[in-house]
Structures are given as C-alpha cells and as structure tokens.
Amino acid sequence: MRINNNLERFWIVLKTNSGVSKVVKDFETLEECREFLQAGLQGFRTITEEEAGYNSNSFWYDIIDGDCENVVLNTVGGFPTIDYVENGEDSGIIESTDTYFNSEPDFTYIEGEYTLEDVKFICENNCKYDVVFNDDTDSNSMGFKSTYSDCMNYITMNKGTNHSYFEDYKGGSVCVVDVETGIDVYREDI
C-alpha cells in the first residue's frame, strides 16, 4: 500500500454545495477524526435532508481514507483539496457527518484545523510527481517534481501532439509516478 503524500492516513474534508472540498486536518486513526469533528461541530445547527438539498448555507465533513489508490492530494490552489485518479471510481469516503448550517459555509472553521504554516508545509511538500513515458524497450522521465494536477494537465495538453515524448512512445504508455515510492498513480496508453 502506498503512502499518499505527507499526511496521516485519514483526512477530514470540508464539503459544501458550492463545490468546496478542502482538507482541513489529518489523523492516523478514525477515532481521532471522530473526536475532532464531535468537539468542533458542537456550536453548529444540523439541518434536515429536505432543508439541506442544494441549500447554499449547508456544509458537512467527509472522512477520507488517504491510502485509497484513487485519492490524490491537490495543492495547486494554495490549499489542500482532493482529486481522483479516475472520476466515478472509489471516492475513499469512510463516513460523513450530518449536514450543518452556516451563513458562510465556504469559510467554516472548527478549532484545531490546519494553521497557515501547516498549509504552507503541506503545499511545499506535495510536489512529488513526475511524468514518465514507457514502452517495451525504453523509458523516459520528464524529470518533474510537481503536483499530481500539474502532471495530469501536462498529459492532457500534450497527448495527441508531437510534443514531448508522445510521438516517440506511440503504442506505449504515459504515467504519473510518485517519485518517492516509484509507484504509478496514473497510467494511460498512448
């Protein structure tokens, strides 16, 4: 099993109906996650499913298994969020809280979330992916030490073109590789 990024195994992710999905804390155990959320959410009012719907004032937290092979930490926007290797596949959600009300849910904060120093450290240390081209006889690395999203953008922008190694490796594959573990976290045929 791979170690995903520089976080503990379980990630607490703030979710809102406006699309916010930011990682606010990480813990080694589920019990620590539950205790953190129970203490932090005491001052907020829960709302019913009917009331929540697409209510722009609703929010909830998911506990994500950071060891899920389909989950990747994204720090491109300057704050840790989650991405998926394959959309529609395993989301890594272990459990979710009830839905709560806040007049500004995108800015919800509970005591003990990451500090700005924590966020800076996480973002600076998440640049650990490279793009690698392979076929039956050869392999070439781009030599990146970048974010997963940057590597995926590179592949999207260059595939089907004669740029980079795409033309040289037709019939082979292109991968996003975790440079620390050497494990492919994404692979597609060229």
N, C-alpha and C. Protein backbone atom coordinates (compact mmCIF):
# COMPACT_ATOMS: atom_id res chain seq x y z
N MET A 1 0.84 -1.19 0.00
CA MET A 1 0.00 0.00 0.00
C MET A 1 0.88 1.24 0.00
N ARG A 2 0.51 2.23 -0.77
CA ARG A 2 1.35 3.42 -0.87
C ARG A 2 0.98 4.42 0.22
N ILE A 3 1.92 5.24 0.58
CA ILE A 3 1.68 6.34 1.49
C ILE A 3 1.34 7.54 0.62
N ASN A 4 0.17 8.14 0.81
CA ASN A 4 -0.29 9.22 -0.04
C ASN A 4 0.14 10.56 0.55
N ASN A 5 1.12 11.16 -0.08
CA ASN A 5 1.56 12.49 0.27
C ASN A 5 2.22 12.52 1.63
N ASN A 6 2.14 13.64 2.32
CA ASN A 6 2.82 13.76 3.60
C ASN A 6 1.82 13.88 4.75
N LEU A 7 0.64 13.30 4.57
CA LEU A 7 -0.40 13.37 5.59
C LEU A 7 -0.56 12.03 6.29
N GLU A 8 -1.22 12.06 7.45
CA GLU A 8 -1.59 10.83 8.13
C GLU A 8 -2.64 10.12 7.28
N ARG A 9 -3.06 8.95 7.68
CA ARG A 9 -3.92 8.12 6.83
C ARG A 9 -5.30 8.71 6.56
N PHE A 10 -5.97 9.28 7.57
CA PHE A 10 -7.35 9.74 7.39
C PHE A 10 -7.40 11.26 7.30
N TRP A 11 -8.15 11.75 6.32
CA TRP A 11 -8.24 13.18 6.05
C TRP A 11 -9.65 13.66 6.32
N ILE A 12 -9.77 14.80 6.99
CA ILE A 12 -11.08 15.42 7.21
C ILE A 12 -11.24 16.50 6.16
N VAL A 13 -12.33 16.39 5.38
CA VAL A 13 -12.53 17.27 4.24
C VAL A 13 -13.84 18.04 4.41
N LEU A 14 -13.75 19.38 4.40
CA LEU A 14 -14.93 20.25 4.43
C LEU A 14 -15.58 20.21 3.05
N LYS A 15 -16.89 19.96 3.01
CA LYS A 15 -17.63 19.93 1.74
C LYS A 15 -18.80 20.90 1.83
N THR A 16 -19.09 21.59 0.72
CA THR A 16 -20.26 22.48 0.64
C THR A 16 -20.95 22.27 -0.70
N ASN A 17 -22.17 22.75 -0.80
CA ASN A 17 -22.92 22.65 -2.05
C ASN A 17 -22.35 23.56 -3.14
N SER A 18 -21.49 24.49 -2.77
CA SER A 18 -20.88 25.36 -3.79
C SER A 18 -19.59 24.75 -4.35
N GLY A 19 -19.28 23.52 -3.95
CA GLY A 19 -18.14 22.83 -4.53
C GLY A 19 -16.86 22.87 -3.72
N VAL A 20 -16.88 23.47 -2.54
CA VAL A 20 -15.68 23.46 -1.69
C VAL A 20 -15.40 22.03 -1.26
N SER A 21 -14.15 21.66 -1.30
CA SER A 21 -13.72 20.32 -0.90
C SER A 21 -12.29 20.42 -0.39
N LYS A 22 -12.13 21.04 0.78
CA LYS A 22 -10.76 21.27 1.26
C LYS A 22 -10.42 20.39 2.46
N VAL A 23 -9.19 19.89 2.44
CA VAL A 23 -8.68 19.06 3.52
C VAL A 23 -8.30 20.00 4.66
N VAL A 24 -8.91 19.80 5.84
CA VAL A 24 -8.68 20.72 6.96
C VAL A 24 -7.86 20.10 8.09
N LYS A 25 -7.72 18.77 8.10
CA LYS A 25 -6.96 18.12 9.17
C LYS A 25 -6.74 16.66 8.77
N ASP A 26 -5.69 16.06 9.31
CA ASP A 26 -5.43 14.64 9.07
C ASP A 26 -5.06 13.96 10.38
N PHE A 27 -5.43 12.70 10.49
CA PHE A 27 -5.17 11.92 11.69
C PHE A 27 -4.79 10.50 11.30
N GLU A 28 -4.16 9.80 12.23
CA GLU A 28 -3.77 8.41 11.99
C GLU A 28 -4.94 7.45 12.18
N THR A 29 -5.90 7.80 13.06
CA THR A 29 -7.00 6.87 13.32
C THR A 29 -8.36 7.52 13.07
N LEU A 30 -9.35 6.66 12.81
CA LEU A 30 -10.73 7.14 12.65
C LEU A 30 -11.25 7.75 13.95
N GLU A 31 -10.88 7.15 15.06
CA GLU A 31 -11.35 7.65 16.35
C GLU A 31 -10.90 9.10 16.58
N GLU A 32 -9.67 9.42 16.23
CA GLU A 32 -9.19 10.80 16.35
C GLU A 32 -10.01 11.74 15.47
N CYS A 33 -10.34 11.29 14.27
CA CYS A 33 -11.16 12.10 13.36
C CYS A 33 -12.53 12.37 13.98
N ARG A 34 -13.14 11.32 14.48
CA ARG A 34 -14.48 11.46 15.08
C ARG A 34 -14.47 12.40 16.28
N GLU A 35 -13.46 12.27 17.14
CA GLU A 35 -13.35 13.14 18.30
C GLU A 35 -13.16 14.60 17.89
N PHE A 36 -12.31 14.84 16.90
CA PHE A 36 -12.07 16.19 16.40
C PHE A 36 -13.37 16.81 15.88
N LEU A 37 -14.11 16.06 15.07
CA LEU A 37 -15.36 16.57 14.50
C LEU A 37 -16.43 16.76 15.56
N GLN A 38 -16.54 15.82 16.48
CA GLN A 38 -17.55 15.94 17.53
C GLN A 38 -17.32 17.21 18.36
N ALA A 39 -16.08 17.46 18.73
CA ALA A 39 -15.76 18.66 19.52
C ALA A 39 -15.95 19.93 18.69
N GLY A 40 -15.53 19.91 17.45
CA GLY A 40 -15.56 21.11 16.62
C GLY A 40 -16.94 21.52 16.13
N LEU A 41 -17.85 20.57 15.99
CA LEU A 41 -19.16 20.87 15.41
C LEU A 41 -20.23 21.16 16.45
N GLN A 42 -19.88 21.21 17.72
CA GLN A 42 -20.87 21.41 18.78
C GLN A 42 -21.65 22.71 18.64
N GLY A 43 -21.05 23.77 18.13
CA GLY A 43 -21.74 25.05 18.06
C GLY A 43 -22.59 25.25 16.80
N PHE A 44 -22.62 24.27 15.92
CA PHE A 44 -23.35 24.43 14.66
C PHE A 44 -24.69 23.69 14.70
N ARG A 45 -25.66 24.22 13.98
CA ARG A 45 -27.00 23.64 13.92
C ARG A 45 -27.08 22.66 12.76
N THR A 46 -27.56 21.44 13.05
CA THR A 46 -27.78 20.48 11.97
C THR A 46 -29.04 20.87 11.22
N ILE A 47 -29.10 20.48 9.95
CA ILE A 47 -30.30 20.74 9.16
C ILE A 47 -30.75 19.43 8.52
N THR A 48 -32.03 19.35 8.23
CA THR A 48 -32.59 18.12 7.68
C THR A 48 -32.19 17.95 6.23
N GLU A 49 -32.39 16.73 5.71
CA GLU A 49 -32.08 16.47 4.31
C GLU A 49 -32.87 17.37 3.38
N GLU A 50 -34.17 17.54 3.69
CA GLU A 50 -35.02 18.40 2.86
C GLU A 50 -34.53 19.85 2.90
N GLU A 51 -34.14 20.29 4.08
CA GLU A 51 -33.66 21.65 4.26
C GLU A 51 -32.30 21.85 3.57
N ALA A 52 -31.47 20.80 3.59
CA ALA A 52 -30.13 20.90 3.02
C ALA A 52 -30.19 20.98 1.50
N GLY A 53 -30.79 19.96 0.86
CA GLY A 53 -30.91 19.95 -0.59
C GLY A 53 -29.72 20.59 -1.26
N TYR A 54 -29.99 21.67 -1.96
CA TYR A 54 -28.91 22.45 -2.56
C TYR A 54 -28.78 23.79 -1.85
N ASN A 55 -29.09 23.79 -0.57
CA ASN A 55 -29.02 24.99 0.26
C ASN A 55 -27.59 25.52 0.24
N SER A 56 -27.44 26.76 -0.16
CA SER A 56 -26.10 27.35 -0.26
C SER A 56 -25.46 27.61 1.11
N ASN A 57 -26.22 27.40 2.17
CA ASN A 57 -25.69 27.60 3.52
C ASN A 57 -25.38 26.29 4.24
N SER A 58 -25.35 25.19 3.50
CA SER A 58 -25.10 23.90 4.15
C SER A 58 -23.66 23.45 3.95
N PHE A 59 -23.17 22.69 4.92
CA PHE A 59 -21.83 22.10 4.84
C PHE A 59 -21.81 20.81 5.63
N TRP A 60 -20.82 19.99 5.35
CA TRP A 60 -20.61 18.74 6.07
C TRP A 60 -19.14 18.38 5.92
N TYR A 61 -18.72 17.37 6.66
CA TYR A 61 -17.35 16.89 6.57
C TYR A 61 -17.35 15.41 6.18
N ASP A 62 -16.44 15.06 5.28
CA ASP A 62 -16.20 13.66 4.95
C ASP A 62 -14.88 13.25 5.58
N ILE A 63 -14.81 12.01 6.02
CA ILE A 63 -13.53 11.42 6.43
C ILE A 63 -13.10 10.54 5.26
N ILE A 64 -11.93 10.86 4.71
CA ILE A 64 -11.40 10.20 3.52
C ILE A 64 -10.23 9.30 3.92
N ASP A 65 -10.17 8.12 3.33
CA ASP A 65 -9.02 7.23 3.51
C ASP A 65 -7.93 7.67 2.53
N GLY A 66 -6.91 8.32 3.04
CA GLY A 66 -5.81 8.81 2.21
C GLY A 66 -5.01 7.70 1.56
N ASP A 67 -5.18 6.46 2.02
CA ASP A 67 -4.49 5.33 1.39
C ASP A 67 -5.27 4.77 0.21
N CYS A 68 -6.44 5.32 -0.06
CA CYS A 68 -7.23 4.88 -1.21
C CYS A 68 -6.44 5.17 -2.49
N GLU A 69 -6.26 4.17 -3.32
CA GLU A 69 -5.47 4.30 -4.55
C GLU A 69 -6.03 5.34 -5.51
N ASN A 70 -7.31 5.69 -5.38
CA ASN A 70 -7.94 6.63 -6.32
C ASN A 70 -7.90 8.08 -5.83
N VAL A 71 -7.46 8.30 -4.60
CA VAL A 71 -7.47 9.63 -4.00
C VAL A 71 -6.08 10.24 -4.05
N VAL A 72 -6.02 11.51 -4.47
CA VAL A 72 -4.74 12.22 -4.56
C VAL A 72 -4.90 13.60 -3.95
N LEU A 73 -3.91 14.03 -3.21
CA LEU A 73 -3.90 15.38 -2.62
C LEU A 73 -3.55 16.39 -3.71
N ASN A 74 -4.35 17.46 -3.79
CA ASN A 74 -4.11 18.53 -4.77
C ASN A 74 -3.82 19.80 -3.99
N THR A 75 -2.67 20.43 -4.26
CA THR A 75 -2.31 21.66 -3.55
C THR A 75 -2.09 22.82 -4.51
N VAL A 76 -2.60 22.69 -5.73
CA VAL A 76 -2.37 23.72 -6.75
C VAL A 76 -2.95 25.07 -6.33
N GLY A 77 -4.12 25.10 -5.73
CA GLY A 77 -4.76 26.37 -5.36
C GLY A 77 -4.25 27.00 -4.09
N GLY A 78 -3.19 26.46 -3.52
CA GLY A 78 -2.64 27.04 -2.29
C GLY A 78 -3.29 26.53 -1.02
N PHE A 79 -4.23 25.58 -1.17
CA PHE A 79 -4.84 24.93 -0.01
C PHE A 79 -5.09 23.48 -0.38
N PRO A 80 -4.86 22.54 0.53
CA PRO A 80 -5.03 21.13 0.17
C PRO A 80 -6.49 20.76 -0.11
N THR A 81 -6.71 20.17 -1.27
CA THR A 81 -8.01 19.64 -1.65
C THR A 81 -7.77 18.21 -2.15
N ILE A 82 -8.84 17.52 -2.55
CA ILE A 82 -8.66 16.17 -3.06
C ILE A 82 -9.00 16.10 -4.54
N ASP A 83 -8.31 15.22 -5.22
CA ASP A 83 -8.57 14.89 -6.62
C ASP A 83 -8.69 13.38 -6.70
N TYR A 84 -9.18 12.91 -7.84
CA TYR A 84 -9.32 11.49 -8.05
C TYR A 84 -8.58 11.07 -9.31
N VAL A 85 -7.92 9.93 -9.25
CA VAL A 85 -7.22 9.40 -10.41
C VAL A 85 -8.25 9.08 -11.49
N GLU A 86 -9.36 8.43 -11.13
CA GLU A 86 -10.43 8.09 -12.06
C GLU A 86 -11.75 8.61 -11.47
N ASN A 87 -12.39 9.54 -12.16
CA ASN A 87 -13.69 10.02 -11.71
C ASN A 87 -14.69 8.88 -11.76
N GLY A 88 -15.60 8.87 -10.78
CA GLY A 88 -16.62 7.84 -10.74
C GLY A 88 -16.16 6.56 -10.07
N GLU A 89 -14.90 6.47 -9.72
CA GLU A 89 -14.38 5.28 -9.04
C GLU A 89 -14.45 5.52 -7.53
N ASP A 90 -13.73 4.74 -6.76
CA ASP A 90 -13.73 4.80 -5.30
C ASP A 90 -13.37 6.21 -4.83
N SER A 91 -14.25 6.82 -4.04
CA SER A 91 -14.02 8.18 -3.56
C SER A 91 -13.25 8.21 -2.25
N GLY A 92 -13.04 7.05 -1.65
CA GLY A 92 -12.28 6.98 -0.41
C GLY A 92 -13.04 7.45 0.82
N ILE A 93 -14.33 7.79 0.68
CA ILE A 93 -15.11 8.28 1.83
C ILE A 93 -15.39 7.13 2.78
N ILE A 94 -14.95 7.30 4.02
CA ILE A 94 -15.21 6.32 5.07
C ILE A 94 -16.55 6.62 5.72
N GLU A 95 -16.77 7.88 6.04
CA GLU A 95 -18.04 8.31 6.62
C GLU A 95 -18.17 9.82 6.47
N SER A 96 -19.40 10.29 6.64
CA SER A 96 -19.70 11.72 6.54
C SER A 96 -20.46 12.16 7.79
N THR A 97 -20.32 13.43 8.12
CA THR A 97 -21.08 13.98 9.25
C THR A 97 -22.49 14.29 8.79
N ASP A 98 -23.32 14.72 9.72
CA ASP A 98 -24.61 15.29 9.36
C ASP A 98 -24.34 16.56 8.57
N THR A 99 -25.40 17.13 8.02
CA THR A 99 -25.27 18.41 7.32
C THR A 99 -25.58 19.53 8.30
N TYR A 100 -24.81 20.58 8.24
CA TYR A 100 -24.91 21.70 9.17
C TYR A 100 -25.19 23.00 8.43
N PHE A 101 -25.62 24.00 9.19
CA PHE A 101 -25.91 25.33 8.64
C PHE A 101 -24.84 26.31 9.07
N ASN A 102 -24.42 27.15 8.13
CA ASN A 102 -23.53 28.28 8.42
C ASN A 102 -23.84 29.34 7.37
N SER A 103 -23.94 30.59 7.78
CA SER A 103 -24.27 31.64 6.82
C SER A 103 -23.19 31.80 5.76
N GLU A 104 -21.96 31.40 6.05
CA GLU A 104 -20.88 31.40 5.07
C GLU A 104 -20.16 30.05 5.12
N PRO A 105 -20.78 29.01 4.57
CA PRO A 105 -20.22 27.66 4.74
C PRO A 105 -18.84 27.47 4.13
N ASP A 106 -18.51 28.19 3.07
CA ASP A 106 -17.19 28.04 2.44
C ASP A 106 -16.06 28.47 3.38
N PHE A 107 -16.41 29.26 4.39
CA PHE A 107 -15.41 29.77 5.34
C PHE A 107 -15.56 29.14 6.72
N THR A 108 -16.24 28.01 6.78
CA THR A 108 -16.41 27.31 8.05
C THR A 108 -15.05 26.94 8.62
N TYR A 109 -14.90 27.16 9.90
CA TYR A 109 -13.65 26.82 10.60
C TYR A 109 -14.02 26.16 11.91
N ILE A 110 -13.35 25.06 12.22
CA ILE A 110 -13.51 24.47 13.54
C ILE A 110 -12.14 24.42 14.21
N GLU A 111 -12.15 24.58 15.50
CA GLU A 111 -10.93 24.66 16.29
C GLU A 111 -10.00 23.48 16.01
N GLY A 112 -8.73 23.79 15.75
CA GLY A 112 -7.73 22.76 15.55
C GLY A 112 -7.42 22.45 14.09
N GLU A 113 -8.09 23.13 13.15
CA GLU A 113 -7.77 22.91 11.73
C GLU A 113 -6.34 23.35 11.47
N TYR A 114 -5.86 23.03 10.27
CA TYR A 114 -4.50 23.42 9.90
C TYR A 114 -4.28 24.92 10.09
N THR A 115 -3.09 25.26 10.55
CA THR A 115 -2.68 26.66 10.59
C THR A 115 -2.16 27.04 9.21
N LEU A 116 -1.92 28.32 8.99
CA LEU A 116 -1.33 28.74 7.71
C LEU A 116 0.06 28.13 7.50
N GLU A 117 0.81 27.96 8.59
CA GLU A 117 2.12 27.31 8.49
C GLU A 117 1.98 25.85 8.08
N ASP A 118 0.97 25.16 8.64
CA ASP A 118 0.71 23.77 8.25
C ASP A 118 0.39 23.68 6.76
N VAL A 119 -0.49 24.57 6.29
CA VAL A 119 -0.90 24.57 4.89
C VAL A 119 0.31 24.82 3.98
N LYS A 120 1.13 25.77 4.36
CA LYS A 120 2.33 26.08 3.56
C LYS A 120 3.24 24.85 3.48
N PHE A 121 3.45 24.18 4.60
CA PHE A 121 4.30 22.98 4.63
C PHE A 121 3.72 21.88 3.74
N ILE A 122 2.41 21.64 3.86
CA ILE A 122 1.75 20.59 3.06
C ILE A 122 1.90 20.91 1.57
N CYS A 123 1.64 22.15 1.20
CA CYS A 123 1.72 22.53 -0.22
C CYS A 123 3.14 22.43 -0.76
N GLU A 124 4.11 22.87 0.02
CA GLU A 124 5.50 22.81 -0.44
C GLU A 124 6.02 21.39 -0.56
N ASN A 125 5.49 20.49 0.25
CA ASN A 125 5.98 19.12 0.26
C ASN A 125 5.12 18.16 -0.56
N ASN A 126 4.17 18.68 -1.31
CA ASN A 126 3.31 17.84 -2.13
C ASN A 126 3.79 17.75 -3.58
N CYS A 127 4.85 18.44 -3.91
CA CYS A 127 5.37 18.40 -5.28
C CYS A 127 6.27 17.19 -5.40
N LYS A 128 5.66 16.04 -5.68
CA LYS A 128 6.42 14.80 -5.67
C LYS A 128 6.05 13.86 -6.82
N TYR A 129 5.51 14.40 -7.89
CA TYR A 129 5.10 13.56 -9.01
C TYR A 129 5.89 13.91 -10.27
N ASP A 130 6.03 12.91 -11.14
CA ASP A 130 6.73 13.06 -12.40
C ASP A 130 5.90 12.40 -13.50
N VAL A 131 6.16 12.78 -14.75
CA VAL A 131 5.54 12.15 -15.91
C VAL A 131 6.59 11.25 -16.55
N VAL A 132 6.23 9.98 -16.76
CA VAL A 132 7.17 9.00 -17.30
C VAL A 132 6.53 8.31 -18.51
N PHE A 133 7.30 8.19 -19.58
CA PHE A 133 6.87 7.50 -20.80
C PHE A 133 7.53 6.14 -20.84
N ASN A 134 6.78 5.10 -21.21
CA ASN A 134 7.30 3.73 -21.26
C ASN A 134 6.83 3.01 -22.53
N ASP A 135 7.68 2.10 -23.02
CA ASP A 135 7.24 1.11 -24.00
C ASP A 135 8.02 -0.17 -23.71
N ASP A 136 7.97 -1.15 -24.62
CA ASP A 136 8.62 -2.43 -24.36
C ASP A 136 10.14 -2.35 -24.27
N THR A 137 10.72 -1.29 -24.83
CA THR A 137 12.18 -1.23 -24.90
C THR A 137 12.82 -0.05 -24.17
N ASP A 138 12.03 0.96 -23.82
CA ASP A 138 12.65 2.17 -23.30
C ASP A 138 11.73 2.87 -22.30
N SER A 139 12.31 3.83 -21.61
CA SER A 139 11.56 4.64 -20.65
C SER A 139 12.22 6.01 -20.56
N ASN A 140 11.42 7.06 -20.50
CA ASN A 140 11.94 8.41 -20.32
C ASN A 140 11.12 9.16 -19.29
N SER A 141 11.81 9.83 -18.40
CA SER A 141 11.17 10.65 -17.37
C SER A 141 11.29 12.11 -17.77
N MET A 142 10.25 12.88 -17.49
CA MET A 142 10.31 14.32 -17.74
C MET A 142 11.16 15.01 -16.69
N GLY A 143 11.40 14.37 -15.55
CA GLY A 143 12.22 14.96 -14.50
C GLY A 143 11.48 15.97 -13.65
N PHE A 144 10.15 15.92 -13.69
CA PHE A 144 9.35 16.85 -12.88
C PHE A 144 9.42 16.47 -11.41
N LYS A 145 9.21 17.44 -10.58
CA LYS A 145 8.88 17.24 -9.17
C LYS A 145 7.75 18.23 -8.95
N SER A 146 6.56 17.78 -9.33
CA SER A 146 5.41 18.67 -9.41
C SER A 146 4.21 18.05 -8.72
N THR A 147 3.09 18.76 -8.78
CA THR A 147 1.86 18.23 -8.19
C THR A 147 1.23 17.25 -9.15
N TYR A 148 0.36 16.41 -8.63
CA TYR A 148 -0.38 15.47 -9.44
C TYR A 148 -1.18 16.21 -10.51
N SER A 149 -1.85 17.28 -10.13
CA SER A 149 -2.67 18.05 -11.07
C SER A 149 -1.83 18.64 -12.19
N ASP A 150 -0.66 19.17 -11.87
CA ASP A 150 0.22 19.72 -12.91
C ASP A 150 0.65 18.63 -13.89
N CYS A 151 0.95 17.44 -13.39
CA CYS A 151 1.34 16.34 -14.27
C CYS A 151 0.18 15.92 -15.16
N MET A 152 -1.03 15.83 -14.59
CA MET A 152 -2.20 15.47 -15.39
C MET A 152 -2.48 16.54 -16.45
N ASN A 153 -2.32 17.80 -16.08
CA ASN A 153 -2.51 18.88 -17.06
C ASN A 153 -1.49 18.77 -18.19
N TYR A 154 -0.25 18.42 -17.87
CA TYR A 154 0.79 18.24 -18.88
C TYR A 154 0.39 17.14 -19.87
N ILE A 155 -0.10 16.03 -19.34
CA ILE A 155 -0.52 14.92 -20.20
C ILE A 155 -1.69 15.35 -21.08
N THR A 156 -2.69 15.98 -20.48
CA THR A 156 -3.87 16.42 -21.23
C THR A 156 -3.50 17.40 -22.34
N MET A 157 -2.63 18.34 -22.04
CA MET A 157 -2.26 19.37 -23.01
C MET A 157 -1.39 18.84 -24.14
N ASN A 158 -0.63 17.77 -23.89
CA ASN A 158 0.33 17.30 -24.89
C ASN A 158 -0.03 16.01 -25.61
N LYS A 159 -0.98 15.23 -25.06
CA LYS A 159 -1.28 13.97 -25.75
C LYS A 159 -1.96 14.26 -27.09
N GLY A 160 -1.65 13.40 -28.05
CA GLY A 160 -2.17 13.59 -29.40
C GLY A 160 -1.36 14.59 -30.20
N THR A 161 -0.30 15.11 -29.62
CA THR A 161 0.57 16.06 -30.33
C THR A 161 1.92 15.40 -30.58
N ASN A 162 2.79 16.09 -31.27
CA ASN A 162 4.15 15.61 -31.48
C ASN A 162 5.12 16.22 -30.49
N HIS A 163 4.57 16.87 -29.46
CA HIS A 163 5.41 17.48 -28.43
C HIS A 163 5.81 16.45 -27.39
N SER A 164 6.88 16.75 -26.70
CA SER A 164 7.37 15.89 -25.64
C SER A 164 7.70 14.52 -26.21
N TYR A 165 7.46 13.45 -25.46
CA TYR A 165 7.79 12.10 -25.91
C TYR A 165 6.57 11.36 -26.47
N PHE A 166 5.45 12.05 -26.62
CA PHE A 166 4.24 11.35 -27.06
C PHE A 166 4.41 10.64 -28.39
N GLU A 167 5.06 11.30 -29.35
CA GLU A 167 5.25 10.66 -30.67
C GLU A 167 6.19 9.46 -30.56
N ASP A 168 7.26 9.59 -29.76
CA ASP A 168 8.25 8.52 -29.62
C ASP A 168 7.68 7.27 -28.95
N TYR A 169 6.65 7.44 -28.13
CA TYR A 169 6.13 6.32 -27.34
C TYR A 169 4.74 5.88 -27.76
N LYS A 170 4.35 6.14 -29.02
CA LYS A 170 3.07 5.63 -29.52
C LYS A 170 3.09 4.12 -29.42
N GLY A 171 2.01 3.56 -28.85
CA GLY A 171 1.96 2.13 -28.59
C GLY A 171 2.45 1.78 -27.20
N GLY A 172 3.02 2.76 -26.50
CA GLY A 172 3.49 2.58 -25.12
C GLY A 172 2.51 3.22 -24.17
N SER A 173 3.03 3.78 -23.09
CA SER A 173 2.16 4.40 -22.09
C SER A 173 2.81 5.64 -21.51
N VAL A 174 1.97 6.48 -20.91
CA VAL A 174 2.44 7.62 -20.14
C VAL A 174 1.87 7.47 -18.74
N CYS A 175 2.69 7.75 -17.75
CA CYS A 175 2.29 7.55 -16.35
C CYS A 175 2.60 8.79 -15.52
N VAL A 176 1.82 8.98 -14.47
CA VAL A 176 2.19 9.90 -13.40
C VAL A 176 2.74 9.01 -12.30
N VAL A 177 3.98 9.30 -11.90
CA VAL A 177 4.68 8.45 -10.94
C VAL A 177 4.99 9.23 -9.68
N ASP A 178 4.77 8.60 -8.53
CA ASP A 178 5.17 9.16 -7.25
C ASP A 178 6.68 8.99 -7.16
N VAL A 179 7.43 10.09 -7.19
CA VAL A 179 8.89 9.99 -7.24
C VAL A 179 9.49 9.42 -5.96
N GLU A 180 8.75 9.49 -4.86
CA GLU A 180 9.27 8.96 -3.60
C GLU A 180 9.16 7.44 -3.53
N THR A 181 8.07 6.89 -4.09
CA THR A 181 7.86 5.44 -3.99
C THR A 181 8.11 4.72 -5.31
N GLY A 182 8.10 5.46 -6.43
CA GLY A 182 8.27 4.84 -7.73
C GLY A 182 7.00 4.18 -8.25
N ILE A 183 5.90 4.36 -7.57
CA ILE A 183 4.64 3.71 -7.94
C ILE A 183 3.87 4.60 -8.91
N ASP A 184 3.32 3.98 -9.96
CA ASP A 184 2.44 4.69 -10.89
C ASP A 184 1.13 4.99 -10.18
N VAL A 185 0.73 6.25 -10.15
CA VAL A 185 -0.57 6.61 -9.58
C VAL A 185 -1.59 6.86 -10.68
N TYR A 186 -1.11 6.97 -11.92
CA TYR A 186 -1.98 7.10 -13.08
C TYR A 186 -1.24 6.55 -14.28
N ARG A 187 -1.99 5.87 -15.17
CA ARG A 187 -1.37 5.31 -16.38
C ARG A 187 -2.39 5.31 -17.50
N GLU A 188 -1.95 5.67 -18.70
CA GLU A 188 -2.81 5.54 -19.87
C GLU A 188 -1.96 5.17 -21.08
N ASP A 189 -2.59 4.44 -22.00
CA ASP A 189 -1.91 4.04 -23.22
C ASP A 189 -1.84 5.23 -24.18
N ILE A 190 -0.77 5.24 -24.98
CA ILE A 190 -0.60 6.30 -25.97
C ILE A 190 -0.98 5.76 -27.34
